N, C-alpha and C. Protein backbone atom coordinates (compact mmCIF):
# COMPACT_ATOMS: atom_id res chain seq x y z
N UNK A 1 -5.14 -11.41 -19.10
CA UNK A 1 -5.70 -10.12 -18.74
C UNK A 1 -5.58 -9.88 -17.25
N UNK A 2 -5.78 -10.92 -16.45
CA UNK A 2 -5.73 -10.77 -15.01
C UNK A 2 -4.34 -10.33 -14.53
N UNK A 3 -3.28 -10.90 -15.13
CA UNK A 3 -1.93 -10.53 -14.73
C UNK A 3 -1.66 -9.06 -15.05
N UNK A 4 -2.14 -8.60 -16.20
CA UNK A 4 -1.96 -7.20 -16.56
C UNK A 4 -2.67 -6.30 -15.55
N UNK A 5 -3.89 -6.68 -15.18
CA UNK A 5 -4.65 -5.89 -14.19
C UNK A 5 -3.91 -5.85 -12.86
N UNK A 6 -3.40 -7.00 -12.39
CA UNK A 6 -2.66 -7.04 -11.13
C UNK A 6 -1.42 -6.15 -11.21
N UNK A 7 -0.69 -6.25 -12.33
CA UNK A 7 0.52 -5.45 -12.49
C UNK A 7 0.18 -3.97 -12.50
N UNK A 8 -0.87 -3.60 -13.19
CA UNK A 8 -1.28 -2.20 -13.27
C UNK A 8 -1.64 -1.67 -11.89
N UNK A 9 -2.38 -2.46 -11.13
CA UNK A 9 -2.76 -2.01 -9.79
C UNK A 9 -1.54 -1.85 -8.90
N UNK A 10 -0.59 -2.78 -8.98
CA UNK A 10 0.62 -2.69 -8.16
C UNK A 10 1.44 -1.48 -8.58
N UNK A 11 1.56 -1.23 -9.89
CA UNK A 11 2.32 -0.08 -10.38
C UNK A 11 1.70 1.23 -9.89
N UNK A 12 0.40 1.33 -9.94
CA UNK A 12 -0.28 2.53 -9.47
C UNK A 12 -0.03 2.71 -7.98
N UNK A 13 -0.11 1.63 -7.23
CA UNK A 13 0.14 1.71 -5.79
C UNK A 13 1.56 2.18 -5.52
N UNK A 14 2.52 1.66 -6.26
CA UNK A 14 3.91 2.08 -6.07
C UNK A 14 4.10 3.55 -6.42
N UNK A 15 3.43 4.01 -7.47
CA UNK A 15 3.53 5.42 -7.83
C UNK A 15 2.94 6.30 -6.74
N UNK A 16 1.81 5.90 -6.19
CA UNK A 16 1.20 6.66 -5.11
C UNK A 16 2.10 6.67 -3.89
N UNK A 17 2.75 5.55 -3.61
CA UNK A 17 3.66 5.47 -2.48
C UNK A 17 4.84 6.41 -2.69
N UNK A 18 5.36 6.45 -3.89
CA UNK A 18 6.47 7.36 -4.19
C UNK A 18 6.05 8.81 -3.99
N UNK A 19 4.84 9.14 -4.41
CA UNK A 19 4.33 10.50 -4.21
C UNK A 19 4.22 10.82 -2.73
N UNK A 20 3.74 9.87 -1.94
CA UNK A 20 3.63 10.09 -0.49
C UNK A 20 5.00 10.31 0.14
N UNK A 21 5.99 9.53 -0.31
CA UNK A 21 7.35 9.70 0.22
C UNK A 21 7.89 11.09 -0.12
N UNK A 22 7.63 11.54 -1.33
CA UNK A 22 8.10 12.87 -1.73
C UNK A 22 7.44 13.97 -0.91
N UNK A 23 6.15 13.83 -0.66
CA UNK A 23 5.44 14.81 0.17
C UNK A 23 6.01 14.80 1.58
N UNK A 24 6.19 13.61 2.13
CA UNK A 24 6.73 13.47 3.49
C UNK A 24 8.09 14.15 3.60
N UNK A 25 8.93 13.96 2.61
CA UNK A 25 10.28 14.53 2.64
C UNK A 25 10.27 16.05 2.53
N UNK A 26 9.21 16.63 2.02
CA UNK A 26 9.11 18.09 1.90
C UNK A 26 8.71 18.74 3.23
N UNK A 27 8.10 17.98 4.11
CA UNK A 27 7.61 18.55 5.36
C UNK A 27 8.76 18.78 6.34
N UNK A 28 8.64 19.84 7.15
CA UNK A 28 9.64 20.07 8.18
C UNK A 28 9.28 19.23 9.42
N UNK A 29 10.16 19.22 10.40
CA UNK A 29 9.99 18.36 11.58
C UNK A 29 8.72 18.69 12.36
N UNK A 30 8.34 19.95 12.41
CA UNK A 30 7.14 20.34 13.16
C UNK A 30 5.88 19.70 12.55
N UNK A 31 5.77 19.75 11.24
CA UNK A 31 4.61 19.15 10.58
C UNK A 31 4.63 17.63 10.76
N UNK A 32 5.81 17.04 10.64
CA UNK A 32 5.92 15.59 10.83
C UNK A 32 5.48 15.18 12.24
N UNK A 33 5.87 15.97 13.24
CA UNK A 33 5.47 15.66 14.62
C UNK A 33 3.96 15.75 14.80
N UNK A 34 3.33 16.72 14.17
CA UNK A 34 1.87 16.82 14.22
C UNK A 34 1.23 15.58 13.59
N UNK A 35 1.80 15.13 12.48
CA UNK A 35 1.29 13.94 11.81
C UNK A 35 1.45 12.71 12.70
N UNK A 36 2.62 12.58 13.35
CA UNK A 36 2.86 11.46 14.27
C UNK A 36 1.86 11.47 15.42
N UNK A 37 1.58 12.66 15.96
CA UNK A 37 0.62 12.75 17.07
C UNK A 37 -0.78 12.30 16.64
N UNK A 38 -1.14 12.62 15.41
CA UNK A 38 -2.48 12.27 14.93
C UNK A 38 -2.58 10.82 14.47
N UNK A 39 -1.52 10.32 13.81
CA UNK A 39 -1.59 9.00 13.17
C UNK A 39 -0.58 7.99 13.71
N UNK A 40 0.02 8.29 14.83
CA UNK A 40 0.99 7.39 15.47
C UNK A 40 2.14 7.03 14.53
N UNK A 41 2.39 5.73 14.37
CA UNK A 41 3.56 5.27 13.62
C UNK A 41 3.29 5.01 12.14
N UNK A 42 2.17 5.46 11.64
CA UNK A 42 1.81 5.23 10.24
C UNK A 42 2.92 5.63 9.25
N UNK A 43 3.61 6.76 9.46
CA UNK A 43 4.65 7.14 8.49
C UNK A 43 5.78 6.11 8.34
N UNK A 44 5.99 5.28 9.36
CA UNK A 44 7.04 4.27 9.26
C UNK A 44 6.74 3.27 8.14
N UNK A 45 5.48 3.13 7.78
CA UNK A 45 5.12 2.22 6.69
C UNK A 45 5.67 2.68 5.34
N UNK A 46 6.01 3.97 5.24
CA UNK A 46 6.58 4.48 4.00
C UNK A 46 7.94 3.85 3.71
N UNK A 47 8.60 3.34 4.74
CA UNK A 47 9.94 2.78 4.57
C UNK A 47 9.98 1.26 4.54
N UNK A 48 8.83 0.63 4.59
CA UNK A 48 8.78 -0.83 4.57
C UNK A 48 9.05 -1.31 3.15
N UNK A 49 9.98 -2.23 3.03
CA UNK A 49 10.28 -2.82 1.72
C UNK A 49 9.23 -3.90 1.44
N UNK A 50 8.64 -3.86 0.27
CA UNK A 50 7.60 -4.81 -0.09
C UNK A 50 8.14 -5.79 -1.13
N UNK A 51 7.97 -7.07 -0.85
CA UNK A 51 8.32 -8.10 -1.82
C UNK A 51 7.19 -8.19 -2.83
N UNK A 52 7.44 -7.81 -4.08
CA UNK A 52 6.38 -7.75 -5.10
C UNK A 52 5.70 -9.10 -5.30
N UNK A 53 6.49 -10.17 -5.30
CA UNK A 53 5.91 -11.49 -5.54
C UNK A 53 5.02 -11.92 -4.36
N UNK A 54 5.48 -11.65 -3.15
CA UNK A 54 4.68 -11.97 -1.97
C UNK A 54 3.42 -11.14 -1.95
N UNK A 55 3.54 -9.86 -2.26
CA UNK A 55 2.39 -8.96 -2.28
C UNK A 55 1.35 -9.45 -3.30
N UNK A 56 1.83 -9.83 -4.47
CA UNK A 56 0.93 -10.30 -5.53
C UNK A 56 0.23 -11.60 -5.08
N UNK A 57 0.98 -12.50 -4.47
CA UNK A 57 0.39 -13.76 -4.00
C UNK A 57 -0.65 -13.51 -2.91
N UNK A 58 -0.35 -12.62 -1.99
CA UNK A 58 -1.31 -12.30 -0.93
C UNK A 58 -2.55 -11.64 -1.49
N UNK A 59 -2.37 -10.75 -2.46
CA UNK A 59 -3.52 -10.07 -3.07
C UNK A 59 -4.41 -11.08 -3.79
N UNK A 60 -3.80 -12.04 -4.49
CA UNK A 60 -4.59 -13.05 -5.19
C UNK A 60 -5.32 -13.94 -4.20
N UNK A 61 -4.65 -14.33 -3.10
CA UNK A 61 -5.29 -15.16 -2.08
C UNK A 61 -6.45 -14.40 -1.46
N UNK A 62 -6.23 -13.14 -1.13
CA UNK A 62 -7.26 -12.32 -0.50
C UNK A 62 -8.46 -12.19 -1.42
N UNK A 63 -8.21 -11.95 -2.71
CA UNK A 63 -9.31 -11.85 -3.66
C UNK A 63 -10.09 -13.16 -3.75
N UNK A 64 -9.38 -14.29 -3.76
CA UNK A 64 -10.06 -15.59 -3.80
C UNK A 64 -10.89 -15.81 -2.54
N UNK A 65 -10.38 -15.38 -1.39
CA UNK A 65 -11.12 -15.54 -0.14
C UNK A 65 -12.40 -14.72 -0.17
N UNK A 66 -12.35 -13.53 -0.72
CA UNK A 66 -13.55 -12.69 -0.82
C UNK A 66 -14.56 -13.33 -1.75
N UNK A 67 -14.09 -13.80 -2.90
CA UNK A 67 -15.00 -14.44 -3.86
C UNK A 67 -15.65 -15.66 -3.23
N UNK A 68 -14.87 -16.46 -2.54
CA UNK A 68 -15.42 -17.66 -1.90
C UNK A 68 -16.47 -17.30 -0.85
N UNK A 69 -16.20 -16.26 -0.07
CA UNK A 69 -17.15 -15.88 0.97
C UNK A 69 -18.45 -15.32 0.35
N UNK A 70 -18.31 -14.62 -0.77
CA UNK A 70 -19.49 -14.09 -1.44
C UNK A 70 -20.33 -15.21 -2.06
N UNK A 71 -19.66 -16.23 -2.58
CA UNK A 71 -20.38 -17.35 -3.18
C UNK A 71 -21.13 -18.18 -2.15
N UNK A 72 -20.62 -18.16 -0.91
CA UNK A 72 -21.28 -18.93 0.16
C UNK A 72 -22.59 -18.28 0.59
N UNK A 73 -22.76 -17.02 0.30
CA UNK A 73 -23.97 -16.30 0.75
C UNK A 73 -25.18 -16.71 0.02
């Protein structure tokens, strides 16, 4: 069940990323410049290639770290 949940979350994230890329591509240069002024280099993250296996491993490690820290309380 956990693997299905992880896959579903990653798929949703990828779909949202694709939607953001499509929105970005619809904007003209003036709107993009306004966005850059407000959010600096954030749009460059739209072009970062993500290794799915590395992302999944990091997400699992991060989740374990949170659980461990909560159990210590």
